[in-house]
Structures are given as C-alpha cells and as structure tokens.
Amino acid sequence: NLIVTMIFNVPLNNALAAVDPESANGAAVWTTYLRDWVMWNHVRTITAIAALACFIIALR
C-alpha cells in the first residue's frame, strides 16, 4: 500500500497541485488524475484486503 501511494498517488497529487484549475489544461489534468487515482486506490484497497486475509490465516 505504501509503495503504491508513493509511486503512483503522490505524483498524481503533485501534478494536480501544479496545474491552474482555471486553465484549459486543468480539466484535462483533472480527468486523467481522477481516472488514474481511483484505479490505484482500488489497487491499494485490494492489497489491504489481501494483507488482512493473510493475517487472519496466519493467526489460525
């Protein structure tokens, strides 16, 4: 989860912060940001669930 955040989500956040939201490019950057950020957030969620499952199995 930390790796996905550092490699994918943080650079996406930085790119979004660097663009002027009132510019013509702002809408394009937001569209790309939203699509990519949501996808990587789903990856983080799935890996967290998998880690929890492994932890529960290890406790048995």
C-alpha atoms as a PDB file:
ATOM      1  CA  ASN A   1       0.000   0.000   0.000  1.00  0.00           C
ATOM      2  CA  LEU A   2       2.767   2.419   0.875  1.00  0.00           C
ATOM      3  CA  ILE A   3       4.610   1.653  -2.359  1.00  0.00           C
ATOM      4  CA  VAL A   4       1.517   2.264  -4.491  1.00  0.00           C
ATOM      5  CA  THR A   5       0.917   5.526  -2.653  1.00  0.00           C
ATOM      6  CA  MET A   6       4.493   6.728  -3.073  1.00  0.00           C
ATOM      7  CA  ILE A   7       4.955   5.632  -6.689  1.00  0.00           C
ATOM      8  CA  PHE A   8       1.537   6.467  -8.123  1.00  0.00           C
ATOM      9  CA  ASN A   9      -0.772   8.527  -5.904  1.00  0.00           C
ATOM     10  CA  VAL A  10       1.700  11.123  -4.616  1.00  0.00           C
ATOM     11  CA  PRO A  11       2.974  12.051  -8.113  1.00  0.00           C
ATOM     12  CA  LEU A  12      -0.635  12.313  -9.299  1.00  0.00           C
ATOM     13  CA  ASN A  13      -1.419  14.619  -6.372  1.00  0.00           C
ATOM     14  CA  ASN A  14       1.657  16.733  -7.120  1.00  0.00           C
ATOM     15  CA  ALA A  15       0.738  17.036 -10.804  1.00  0.00           C
ATOM     16  CA  LEU A  16      -2.778  18.121  -9.882  1.00  0.00           C
ATOM     17  CA  ALA A  17      -1.483  20.676  -7.389  1.00  0.00           C
ATOM     18  CA  ALA A  18       0.821  22.170 -10.033  1.00  0.00           C
ATOM     19  CA  VAL A  19      -1.914  22.923 -12.572  1.00  0.00           C
ATOM     20  CA  ASP A  20      -4.075  26.036 -12.578  1.00  0.00           C
ATOM     21  CA  PRO A  21      -7.656  24.822 -12.082  1.00  0.00           C
ATOM     22  CA  GLU A  22      -8.964  27.727 -14.167  1.00  0.00           C
ATOM     23  CA  SER A  23      -6.791  26.879 -17.184  1.00  0.00           C
ATOM     24  CA  ALA A  24      -7.901  24.876 -20.203  1.00  0.00           C
ATOM     25  CA  ASN A  25      -5.360  22.236 -19.237  1.00  0.00           C
ATOM     26  CA  GLY A  26      -6.869  21.976 -15.753  1.00  0.00           C
ATOM     27  CA  ALA A  27      -9.906  19.995 -16.898  1.00  0.00           C
ATOM     28  CA  ALA A  28      -7.768  17.537 -18.856  1.00  0.00           C
ATOM     29  CA  VAL A  29      -5.396  17.036 -15.939  1.00  0.00           C
ATOM     30  CA  TRP A  30      -8.346  16.524 -13.555  1.00  0.00           C
ATOM     31  CA  THR A  31      -9.917  13.902 -15.850  1.00  0.00           C
ATOM     32  CA  THR A  32      -6.662  11.958 -16.090  1.00  0.00           C
ATOM     33  CA  TYR A  33      -5.986  12.396 -12.375  1.00  0.00           C
ATOM     34  CA  LEU A  34      -9.400  11.115 -11.351  1.00  0.00           C
ATOM     35  CA  ARG A  35      -9.249   8.044 -13.594  1.00  0.00           C
ATOM     36  CA  ASP A  36      -5.718   7.067 -12.541  1.00  0.00           C
ATOM     37  CA  TRP A  37      -6.059   7.938  -8.857  1.00  0.00           C
ATOM     38  CA  VAL A  38      -9.247   5.904  -8.464  1.00  0.00           C
ATOM     39  CA  MET A  39      -7.658   2.909 -10.212  1.00  0.00           C
ATOM     40  CA  TRP A  40      -4.606   2.974  -7.916  1.00  0.00           C
ATOM     41  CA  ASN A  41      -6.838   3.498  -4.895  1.00  0.00           C
ATOM     42  CA  HIS A  42      -8.667   0.301  -5.830  1.00  0.00           C
ATOM     43  CA  VAL A  43      -5.291  -1.479  -6.024  1.00  0.00           C
ATOM     44  CA  ARG A  44      -4.472  -0.219  -2.524  1.00  0.00           C
ATOM     45  CA  THR A  45      -7.834  -1.421  -1.231  1.00  0.00           C
ATOM     46  CA  ILE A  46      -7.437  -4.878  -2.764  1.00  0.00           C
ATOM     47  CA  THR A  47      -3.908  -5.279  -1.404  1.00  0.00           C
ATOM     48  CA  ALA A  48      -5.059  -4.182   2.060  1.00  0.00           C
ATOM     49  CA  ILE A  49      -7.848  -6.771   1.995  1.00  0.00           C
ATOM     50  CA  ALA A  50      -5.384  -9.432   0.822  1.00  0.00           C
ATOM     51  CA  ALA A  51      -2.977  -8.494   3.627  1.00  0.00           C
ATOM     52  CA  LEU A  52      -5.795  -8.723   6.164  1.00  0.00           C
ATOM     53  CA  ALA A  53      -6.772 -12.154   4.827  1.00  0.00           C
ATOM     54  CA  CYS A  54      -3.161 -13.339   5.129  1.00  0.00           C
ATOM     55  CA  PHE A  55      -3.006 -12.006   8.684  1.00  0.00           C
ATOM     56  CA  ILE A  56      -6.205 -13.810   9.658  1.00  0.00           C
ATOM     57  CA  ILE A  57      -4.940 -17.055   8.106  1.00  0.00           C
ATOM     58  CA  ALA A  58      -1.634 -16.672   9.965  1.00  0.00           C
ATOM     59  CA  LEU A  59      -3.467 -16.324  13.278  1.00  0.00           C
ATOM     60  CA  ARG A  60      -5.124 -19.708  12.869  1.00  0.00           C
END
